[in-house]
Amino acid sequence: TSIMNFFRSTDQSSNINAIMHTSDPTFIDYLYDTYEAIRNPASALQTGWTAMNSALGPRGGFQNKNVYCYYANTNSFKSALLLHLARMIKEYNATKVIDEYKKTGKIPTILFIELENDFDEDNERLFKIVVKKDIGRCTSREELVSAWEHTFEASKDENPIDISFLHMDSRSVSVDDIDKIIEM
């Protein structure tokens, strides 16, 4: 027979102090910090797809401080989906991050860590997603630059969100590597 103990020790050891209790006088401070964090407009980045926003959590979008990993078989549309999401996050969230950008000068960045495709494949897909035209159909550098700047770069002052790419070998990346990259 085992007896369940529903009471905790009042011991002041370091392990006990590391636990947050609702009865602690400072709990309300932690609760208010949570309130402030979720009231921050940039705490959840919208995708433009209502169902996707809803599926991502109670705040409706990709939540700040979370890492999202998409894993599926080769040639299953992962990269294309994520490139679409990156473009949509850039498009739908500029007003949420503009004040912080102006205040700090820090560039809001969507980091696209690619473990499978090469730069050319991602660039080709992103160009088609943004410009709605195959990059191979451009007849000159000037046409390519004009199409890109007209659609993606045109609103840089109103929309400072950047999309950055990092291509890594999936067999050599660790969680520590990703932590360092995110911190950077």
C-alpha atoms as a PDB file:
ATOM      1  CA  THR A   1       0.000   0.000   0.000  1.00  0.00           C
ATOM      2  CA  SER A   2       1.319   3.445  -0.868  1.00  0.00           C
ATOM      3  CA  ILE A   3       0.236   6.696   0.659  1.00  0.00           C
ATOM      4  CA  MET A   4       0.109   9.752  -1.578  1.00  0.00           C
ATOM      5  CA  ASN A   5       1.423  12.923  -0.022  1.00  0.00           C
ATOM      6  CA  PHE A   6      -0.278  16.040  -1.369  1.00  0.00           C
ATOM      7  CA  PHE A   7       1.687  18.395   0.877  1.00  0.00           C
ATOM      8  CA  ARG A   8       5.019  19.904   0.019  1.00  0.00           C
ATOM      9  CA  SER A   9       7.901  20.622   2.277  1.00  0.00           C
ATOM     10  CA  THR A  10       8.432  24.160   3.521  1.00  0.00           C
ATOM     11  CA  ASP A  11      12.141  23.516   3.280  1.00  0.00           C
ATOM     12  CA  GLN A  12      14.096  26.457   1.875  1.00  0.00           C
ATOM     13  CA  SER A  13      16.558  24.324  -0.105  1.00  0.00           C
ATOM     14  CA  SER A  14      17.621  25.556  -3.535  1.00  0.00           C
ATOM     15  CA  ASN A  15      15.559  22.875  -5.282  1.00  0.00           C
ATOM     16  CA  ILE A  16      12.387  23.971  -3.530  1.00  0.00           C
ATOM     17  CA  ASN A  17      13.063  27.638  -4.349  1.00  0.00           C
ATOM     18  CA  ALA A  18      13.425  26.796  -8.039  1.00  0.00           C
ATOM     19  CA  ILE A  19       9.785  25.729  -8.114  1.00  0.00           C
ATOM     20  CA  MET A  20       7.188  28.445  -8.657  1.00  0.00           C
ATOM     21  CA  HIS A  21       4.141  28.202  -6.374  1.00  0.00           C
ATOM     22  CA  THR A  22       0.918  30.150  -6.819  1.00  0.00           C
ATOM     23  CA  SER A  23       1.024  30.867  -3.088  1.00  0.00           C
ATOM     24  CA  ASP A  24       4.370  32.671  -3.355  1.00  0.00           C
ATOM     25  CA  PRO A  25       4.106  36.465  -2.964  1.00  0.00           C
ATOM     26  CA  THR A  26       6.070  36.961  -6.213  1.00  0.00           C
ATOM     27  CA  PHE A  27       3.772  34.715  -8.279  1.00  0.00           C
ATOM     28  CA  ILE A  28       1.664  37.707  -9.320  1.00  0.00           C
ATOM     29  CA  ASP A  29       4.819  39.280 -10.785  1.00  0.00           C
ATOM     30  CA  TYR A  30       5.385  36.188 -12.947  1.00  0.00           C
ATOM     31  CA  LEU A  31       1.727  36.221 -13.924  1.00  0.00           C
ATOM     32  CA  TYR A  32       1.996  39.873 -14.956  1.00  0.00           C
ATOM     33  CA  ASP A  33       5.152  39.125 -16.972  1.00  0.00           C
ATOM     34  CA  THR A  34       3.151  36.491 -18.867  1.00  0.00           C
ATOM     35  CA  TYR A  35       0.356  39.013 -19.415  1.00  0.00           C
ATOM     36  CA  GLU A  36       2.827  41.558 -20.809  1.00  0.00           C
ATOM     37  CA  ALA A  37       4.462  38.945 -23.040  1.00  0.00           C
ATOM     38  CA  ILE A  38       1.211  37.835 -24.665  1.00  0.00           C
ATOM     39  CA  ARG A  39      -0.031  41.407 -25.050  1.00  0.00           C
ATOM     40  CA  ASN A  40       3.066  42.200 -27.121  1.00  0.00           C
ATOM     41  CA  PRO A  41       1.811  42.286 -30.717  1.00  0.00           C
ATOM     42  CA  ALA A  42       4.862  40.364 -31.904  1.00  0.00           C
ATOM     43  CA  SER A  43       4.278  37.474 -29.482  1.00  0.00           C
ATOM     44  CA  ALA A  44       2.445  35.530 -32.203  1.00  0.00           C
ATOM     45  CA  LEU A  45       3.250  36.041 -35.873  1.00  0.00           C
ATOM     46  CA  GLN A  46       0.342  35.536 -38.241  1.00  0.00           C
ATOM     47  CA  THR A  47       0.580  33.430 -41.392  1.00  0.00           C
ATOM     48  CA  GLY A  48      -2.383  34.812 -43.303  1.00  0.00           C
ATOM     49  CA  TRP A  49      -4.099  31.414 -43.065  1.00  0.00           C
ATOM     50  CA  THR A  50      -6.727  31.397 -40.327  1.00  0.00           C
ATOM     51  CA  ALA A  51      -6.688  27.607 -39.884  1.00  0.00           C
ATOM     52  CA  MET A  52      -2.880  27.525 -39.675  1.00  0.00           C
ATOM     53  CA  ASN A  53      -2.826  30.386 -37.136  1.00  0.00           C
ATOM     54  CA  SER A  54      -5.396  28.561 -35.030  1.00  0.00           C
ATOM     55  CA  ALA A  55      -3.493  25.270 -35.213  1.00  0.00           C
ATOM     56  CA  LEU A  56      -0.282  26.955 -34.050  1.00  0.00           C
ATOM     57  CA  GLY A  57      -1.647  27.822 -30.625  1.00  0.00           C
ATOM     58  CA  PRO A  58      -3.985  29.903 -28.510  1.00  0.00           C
ATOM     59  CA  ARG A  59      -2.448  33.218 -29.566  1.00  0.00           C
ATOM     60  CA  GLY A  60      -3.067  32.439 -33.229  1.00  0.00           C
ATOM     61  CA  GLY A  61       0.248  32.204 -35.026  1.00  0.00           C
ATOM     62  CA  PHE A  62       3.890  31.269 -34.580  1.00  0.00           C
ATOM     63  CA  GLN A  63       4.662  32.126 -30.971  1.00  0.00           C
ATOM     64  CA  ASN A  64       7.723  34.011 -29.845  1.00  0.00           C
ATOM     65  CA  LYS A  65      10.408  31.882 -28.172  1.00  0.00           C
ATOM     66  CA  ASN A  66       9.226  28.661 -29.832  1.00  0.00           C
ATOM     67  CA  VAL A  67      11.152  26.673 -32.403  1.00  0.00           C
ATOM     68  CA  TYR A  68       9.078  24.941 -35.054  1.00  0.00           C
ATOM     69  CA  CYS A  69      10.495  21.974 -36.903  1.00  0.00           C
ATOM     70  CA  TYR A  70       8.887  20.495 -39.998  1.00  0.00           C
ATOM     71  CA  TYR A  71       9.929  16.983 -40.850  1.00  0.00           C
ATOM     72  CA  ALA A  72       8.638  14.858 -43.723  1.00  0.00           C
ATOM     73  CA  ASN A  73       9.877  12.722 -46.583  1.00  0.00           C
ATOM     74  CA  THR A  74      11.957  14.148 -49.413  1.00  0.00           C
ATOM     75  CA  ASN A  75       9.911  15.900 -52.130  1.00  0.00           C
ATOM     76  CA  SER A  76       6.879  16.360 -49.899  1.00  0.00           C
ATOM     77  CA  PHE A  77       6.539  20.182 -50.277  1.00  0.00           C
ATOM     78  CA  LYS A  78       8.188  21.069 -46.909  1.00  0.00           C
ATOM     79  CA  SER A  79      10.529  23.740 -48.227  1.00  0.00           C
ATOM     80  CA  ALA A  80       7.935  25.282 -50.514  1.00  0.00           C
ATOM     81  CA  LEU A  81       5.388  25.410 -47.672  1.00  0.00           C
ATOM     82  CA  LEU A  82       7.921  26.998 -45.341  1.00  0.00           C
ATOM     83  CA  LEU A  83       8.961  29.545 -47.971  1.00  0.00           C
ATOM     84  CA  HIS A  84       5.286  30.460 -48.425  1.00  0.00           C
ATOM     85  CA  LEU A  85       4.957  30.803 -44.646  1.00  0.00           C
ATOM     86  CA  ALA A  86       8.080  32.983 -44.472  1.00  0.00           C
ATOM     87  CA  ARG A  87       6.704  35.286 -47.171  1.00  0.00           C
ATOM     88  CA  MET A  88       3.324  35.452 -45.439  1.00  0.00           C
ATOM     89  CA  ILE A  89       4.856  36.124 -42.019  1.00  0.00           C
ATOM     90  CA  LYS A  90       6.794  38.978 -43.603  1.00  0.00           C
ATOM     91  CA  GLU A  91       3.645  40.302 -45.292  1.00  0.00           C
ATOM     92  CA  TYR A  92       1.223  40.028 -42.363  1.00  0.00           C
ATOM     93  CA  ASN A  93       3.376  41.169 -39.428  1.00  0.00           C
ATOM     94  CA  ALA A  94       5.194  44.358 -40.400  1.00  0.00           C
ATOM     95  CA  THR A  95       3.010  46.570 -38.200  1.00  0.00           C
ATOM     96  CA  LYS A  96       3.718  44.313 -35.218  1.00  0.00           C
ATOM     97  CA  VAL A  97       7.488  44.755 -35.383  1.00  0.00           C
ATOM     98  CA  ILE A  98       7.992  48.228 -36.883  1.00  0.00           C
ATOM     99  CA  ASP A  99       8.071  50.090 -33.540  1.00  0.00           C
ATOM    100  CA  GLU A 100      10.685  47.747 -32.053  1.00  0.00           C
ATOM    101  CA  TYR A 101      12.731  48.029 -35.249  1.00  0.00           C
ATOM    102  CA  LYS A 102      12.636  51.837 -35.151  1.00  0.00           C
ATOM    103  CA  LYS A 103      13.459  51.891 -31.442  1.00  0.00           C
ATOM    104  CA  THR A 104      16.332  49.378 -31.447  1.00  0.00           C
ATOM    105  CA  GLY A 105      17.497  49.194 -35.063  1.00  0.00           C
ATOM    106  CA  LYS A 106      17.413  45.396 -34.770  1.00  0.00           C
ATOM    107  CA  ILE A 107      16.234  43.854 -38.012  1.00  0.00           C
ATOM    108  CA  PRO A 108      13.316  41.460 -37.499  1.00  0.00           C
ATOM    109  CA  THR A 109      14.399  38.268 -39.219  1.00  0.00           C
ATOM    110  CA  ILE A 110      12.802  35.026 -40.282  1.00  0.00           C
ATOM    111  CA  LEU A 111      15.577  32.448 -40.175  1.00  0.00           C
ATOM    112  CA  PHE A 112      15.118  29.688 -42.721  1.00  0.00           C
ATOM    113  CA  ILE A 113      17.462  26.843 -41.788  1.00  0.00           C
ATOM    114  CA  GLU A 114      17.669  24.507 -44.756  1.00  0.00           C
ATOM    115  CA  LEU A 115      18.941  20.981 -44.199  1.00  0.00           C
ATOM    116  CA  GLU A 116      18.043  19.471 -47.555  1.00  0.00           C
ATOM    117  CA  ASN A 117      17.982  21.786 -50.591  1.00  0.00           C
ATOM    118  CA  ASP A 118      20.678  24.044 -51.977  1.00  0.00           C
ATOM    119  CA  PHE A 119      20.633  27.838 -52.409  1.00  0.00           C
ATOM    120  CA  ASP A 120      19.599  27.661 -56.058  1.00  0.00           C
ATOM    121  CA  GLU A 121      16.531  25.556 -55.347  1.00  0.00           C
ATOM    122  CA  ASP A 122      15.405  27.812 -52.487  1.00  0.00           C
ATOM    123  CA  ASN A 123      16.104  30.991 -54.470  1.00  0.00           C
ATOM    124  CA  GLU A 124      14.170  29.676 -57.456  1.00  0.00           C
ATOM    125  CA  ARG A 125      11.189  28.756 -55.267  1.00  0.00           C
ATOM    126  CA  LEU A 126      11.229  32.032 -53.330  1.00  0.00           C
ATOM    127  CA  PHE A 127      11.379  34.065 -56.531  1.00  0.00           C
ATOM    128  CA  LYS A 128       8.377  32.201 -57.923  1.00  0.00           C
ATOM    129  CA  ILE A 129       6.437  32.559 -54.651  1.00  0.00           C
ATOM    130  CA  VAL A 130       7.124  36.292 -54.387  1.00  0.00           C
ATOM    131  CA  VAL A 131       7.186  37.439 -58.013  1.00  0.00           C
ATOM    132  CA  LYS A 132       4.723  34.833 -59.342  1.00  0.00           C
ATOM    133  CA  LYS A 133       7.047  34.128 -62.238  1.00  0.00           C
ATOM    134  CA  ASP A 134       9.672  31.484 -62.997  1.00  0.00           C
ATOM    135  CA  ILE A 135      13.124  32.981 -62.533  1.00  0.00           C
ATOM    136  CA  GLY A 136      14.250  31.180 -65.707  1.00  0.00           C
ATOM    137  CA  ARG A 137      11.757  33.199 -67.756  1.00  0.00           C
ATOM    138  CA  CYS A 138      13.535  36.457 -66.993  1.00  0.00           C
ATOM    139  CA  THR A 139      15.469  37.548 -70.071  1.00  0.00           C
ATOM    140  CA  SER A 140      18.033  39.743 -68.314  1.00  0.00           C
ATOM    141  CA  ARG A 141      19.488  40.726 -64.968  1.00  0.00           C
ATOM    142  CA  GLU A 142      17.617  44.031 -65.193  1.00  0.00           C
ATOM    143  CA  GLU A 143      14.276  42.249 -65.612  1.00  0.00           C
ATOM    144  CA  LEU A 144      15.062  39.979 -62.665  1.00  0.00           C
ATOM    145  CA  VAL A 145      16.093  42.908 -60.442  1.00  0.00           C
ATOM    146  CA  SER A 146      13.077  44.965 -61.483  1.00  0.00           C
ATOM    147  CA  ALA A 147      10.628  42.130 -60.777  1.00  0.00           C
ATOM    148  CA  TRP A 148      12.205  41.385 -57.391  1.00  0.00           C
ATOM    149  CA  GLU A 149      12.435  44.993 -56.258  1.00  0.00           C
ATOM    150  CA  HIS A 150       8.923  45.767 -57.452  1.00  0.00           C
ATOM    151  CA  THR A 151       7.383  42.989 -55.362  1.00  0.00           C
ATOM    152  CA  PHE A 152       9.698  42.218 -52.438  1.00  0.00           C
ATOM    153  CA  GLU A 153      11.842  45.271 -51.834  1.00  0.00           C
ATOM    154  CA  ALA A 154       9.283  47.977 -52.632  1.00  0.00           C
ATOM    155  CA  SER A 155       8.029  48.435 -49.080  1.00  0.00           C
ATOM    156  CA  LYS A 156      11.310  48.044 -47.187  1.00  0.00           C
ATOM    157  CA  ASP A 157      10.742  51.216 -45.108  1.00  0.00           C
ATOM    158  CA  GLU A 158       7.287  50.060 -43.983  1.00  0.00           C
ATOM    159  CA  ASN A 159       8.263  46.404 -43.723  1.00  0.00           C
ATOM    160  CA  PRO A 160      11.748  45.781 -42.306  1.00  0.00           C
ATOM    161  CA  ILE A 161      11.248  42.019 -41.861  1.00  0.00           C
ATOM    162  CA  ASP A 162      14.045  40.117 -43.571  1.00  0.00           C
ATOM    163  CA  ILE A 163      14.223  36.460 -44.547  1.00  0.00           C
ATOM    164  CA  SER A 164      17.630  34.906 -43.972  1.00  0.00           C
ATOM    165  CA  PHE A 165      18.803  31.548 -45.263  1.00  0.00           C
ATOM    166  CA  LEU A 166      21.252  29.175 -43.680  1.00  0.00           C
ATOM    167  CA  HIS A 167      22.055  25.927 -45.436  1.00  0.00           C
ATOM    168  CA  MET A 168      23.533  23.197 -43.248  1.00  0.00           C
ATOM    169  CA  ASP A 169      24.330  19.529 -43.567  1.00  0.00           C
ATOM    170  CA  SER A 170      21.625  17.722 -41.608  1.00  0.00           C
ATOM    171  CA  ARG A 171      24.105  15.098 -40.455  1.00  0.00           C
ATOM    172  CA  SER A 172      26.321  17.651 -38.761  1.00  0.00           C
ATOM    173  CA  VAL A 173      23.895  20.060 -37.073  1.00  0.00           C
ATOM    174  CA  SER A 174      23.183  19.848 -33.359  1.00  0.00           C
ATOM    175  CA  VAL A 175      20.724  21.527 -31.032  1.00  0.00           C
ATOM    176  CA  ASP A 176      23.641  23.557 -29.633  1.00  0.00           C
ATOM    177  CA  ASP A 177      24.443  24.766 -33.174  1.00  0.00           C
ATOM    178  CA  ILE A 178      20.859  25.904 -33.681  1.00  0.00           C
ATOM    179  CA  ASP A 179      20.830  27.630 -30.260  1.00  0.00           C
ATOM    180  CA  LYS A 180      23.973  29.568 -31.213  1.00  0.00           C
ATOM    181  CA  ILE A 181      22.519  30.518 -34.606  1.00  0.00           C
ATOM    182  CA  ILE A 182      19.281  31.790 -33.060  1.00  0.00           C
ATOM    183  CA  GLU A 183      21.212  33.781 -30.458  1.00  0.00           C
ATOM    184  CA  MET A 184      23.336  35.312 -33.226  1.00  0.00           C
END
